[in-house]
Structure formats: structure tokens, C-alpha cells
Amino acid sequence: MGEQPSDDEYRTCSTCGRDCKPDVSITSDEHGVRIAFVCPEHGVQSIVDPFADQR
């Protein structure tokens, strides 16, 4: 995790180019909230912490 991405590429599957669906089942701990973006065919493509810049 780290900086907030500057574009929407993190929402796209790197293998097939499909739009990935957000999955919040990978969520909070002492480090904050994380959202996984998942391709139905190729699995998790990225994990984003939308509040990383506020900590």
C-alpha cells in the first residue's frame, strides 16, 4: 500500500483488461481500510488504502 494511485489503472485487470469489482472483505486493522479490486477471471489485481494520505 502506499500512495493513492493517480489514475484508474488499479481498477483494471492487467491480464485481460476487464474492469475489476471492489471487494471490501479485505478491511480494517490498525493500518486502516483496504479495498481489493478483483477480476472475476484472474483474481485480485490491486489493493488500495483510500485513506493512506490522511494518516
C-alpha atoms as a PDB file:
ATOM      1  CA  MET A   1       0.000   0.000   0.000  1.00  0.00           C
ATOM      2  CA  GLY A   2       1.284   3.475  -0.137  1.00  0.00           C
ATOM      3  CA  GLU A   3       0.328   6.476  -2.168  1.00  0.00           C
ATOM      4  CA  GLN A   4      -3.114   6.834  -3.644  1.00  0.00           C
ATOM      5  CA  PRO A   5      -2.949   5.952  -7.371  1.00  0.00           C
ATOM      6  CA  SER A   6      -3.089   8.941  -9.711  1.00  0.00           C
ATOM      7  CA  ASP A   7      -5.204   7.176 -12.342  1.00  0.00           C
ATOM      8  CA  ASP A   8      -7.829   4.405 -12.563  1.00  0.00           C
ATOM      9  CA  GLU A   9      -5.465   1.709 -13.834  1.00  0.00           C
ATOM     10  CA  TYR A  10      -5.625  -0.067 -10.456  1.00  0.00           C
ATOM     11  CA  ARG A  11      -9.279  -0.894 -11.293  1.00  0.00           C
ATOM     12  CA  THR A  12      -8.359  -2.783 -14.481  1.00  0.00           C
ATOM     13  CA  CYS A  13      -7.141  -6.388 -14.822  1.00  0.00           C
ATOM     14  CA  SER A  14      -3.550  -6.447 -16.026  1.00  0.00           C
ATOM     15  CA  THR A  15      -4.181  -9.716 -17.887  1.00  0.00           C
ATOM     16  CA  CYS A  16      -7.495  -9.244 -19.717  1.00  0.00           C
ATOM     17  CA  GLY A  17      -8.230  -5.506 -19.348  1.00  0.00           C
ATOM     18  CA  ARG A  18     -11.617  -6.034 -17.674  1.00  0.00           C
ATOM     19  CA  ASP A  19     -12.946  -3.643 -15.074  1.00  0.00           C
ATOM     20  CA  CYS A  20     -12.397  -5.099 -11.615  1.00  0.00           C
ATOM     21  CA  LYS A  21     -15.025  -5.049  -8.899  1.00  0.00           C
ATOM     22  CA  PRO A  22     -14.210  -3.605  -5.477  1.00  0.00           C
ATOM     23  CA  ASP A  23     -14.200  -6.114  -2.612  1.00  0.00           C
ATOM     24  CA  VAL A  24     -14.123  -4.732   0.913  1.00  0.00           C
ATOM     25  CA  SER A  25     -13.744  -8.134   2.564  1.00  0.00           C
ATOM     26  CA  ILE A  26     -10.064  -7.236   2.986  1.00  0.00           C
ATOM     27  CA  THR A  27     -10.764  -4.488   5.503  1.00  0.00           C
ATOM     28  CA  SER A  28      -9.666  -2.620   8.531  1.00  0.00           C
ATOM     29  CA  ASP A  29      -6.930  -3.319  11.001  1.00  0.00           C
ATOM     30  CA  GLU A  30      -4.665  -0.931  12.873  1.00  0.00           C
ATOM     31  CA  HIS A  31      -3.315   0.254   9.493  1.00  0.00           C
ATOM     32  CA  GLY A  32      -6.643   1.399   8.047  1.00  0.00           C
ATOM     33  CA  VAL A  33      -9.140   0.270   5.443  1.00  0.00           C
ATOM     34  CA  ARG A  34      -8.106  -1.622   2.332  1.00  0.00           C
ATOM     35  CA  ILE A  35     -10.155  -2.310  -0.786  1.00  0.00           C
ATOM     36  CA  ALA A  36      -9.219  -5.116  -3.162  1.00  0.00           C
ATOM     37  CA  PHE A  37     -10.060  -4.808  -6.857  1.00  0.00           C
ATOM     38  CA  VAL A  38     -10.850  -8.269  -8.201  1.00  0.00           C
ATOM     39  CA  CYS A  39     -11.123  -9.591 -11.757  1.00  0.00           C
ATOM     40  CA  PRO A  40     -13.723 -12.387 -11.876  1.00  0.00           C
ATOM     41  CA  GLU A  41     -11.366 -14.494 -14.004  1.00  0.00           C
ATOM     42  CA  HIS A  42      -7.860 -13.567 -12.768  1.00  0.00           C
ATOM     43  CA  GLY A  43      -8.385 -12.690  -9.098  1.00  0.00           C
ATOM     44  CA  VAL A  44      -7.070  -9.773  -7.056  1.00  0.00           C
ATOM     45  CA  GLN A  45      -5.353  -7.145  -9.183  1.00  0.00           C
ATOM     46  CA  SER A  46      -4.662  -4.423  -6.623  1.00  0.00           C
ATOM     47  CA  ILE A  47      -5.262  -3.429  -3.022  1.00  0.00           C
ATOM     48  CA  VAL A  48      -5.827   0.238  -2.228  1.00  0.00           C
ATOM     49  CA  ASP A  49      -5.950   2.135   1.058  1.00  0.00           C
ATOM     50  CA  PRO A  50      -8.087   5.179   0.203  1.00  0.00           C
ATOM     51  CA  PHE A  51      -7.149   6.978   3.409  1.00  0.00           C
ATOM     52  CA  ALA A  52      -3.379   6.383   3.416  1.00  0.00           C
ATOM     53  CA  ASP A  53      -2.622  10.052   2.774  1.00  0.00           C
ATOM     54  CA  GLN A  54      -4.631  11.095   5.839  1.00  0.00           C
ATOM     55  CA  ARG A  55      -2.537   9.133   8.356  1.00  0.00           C
END
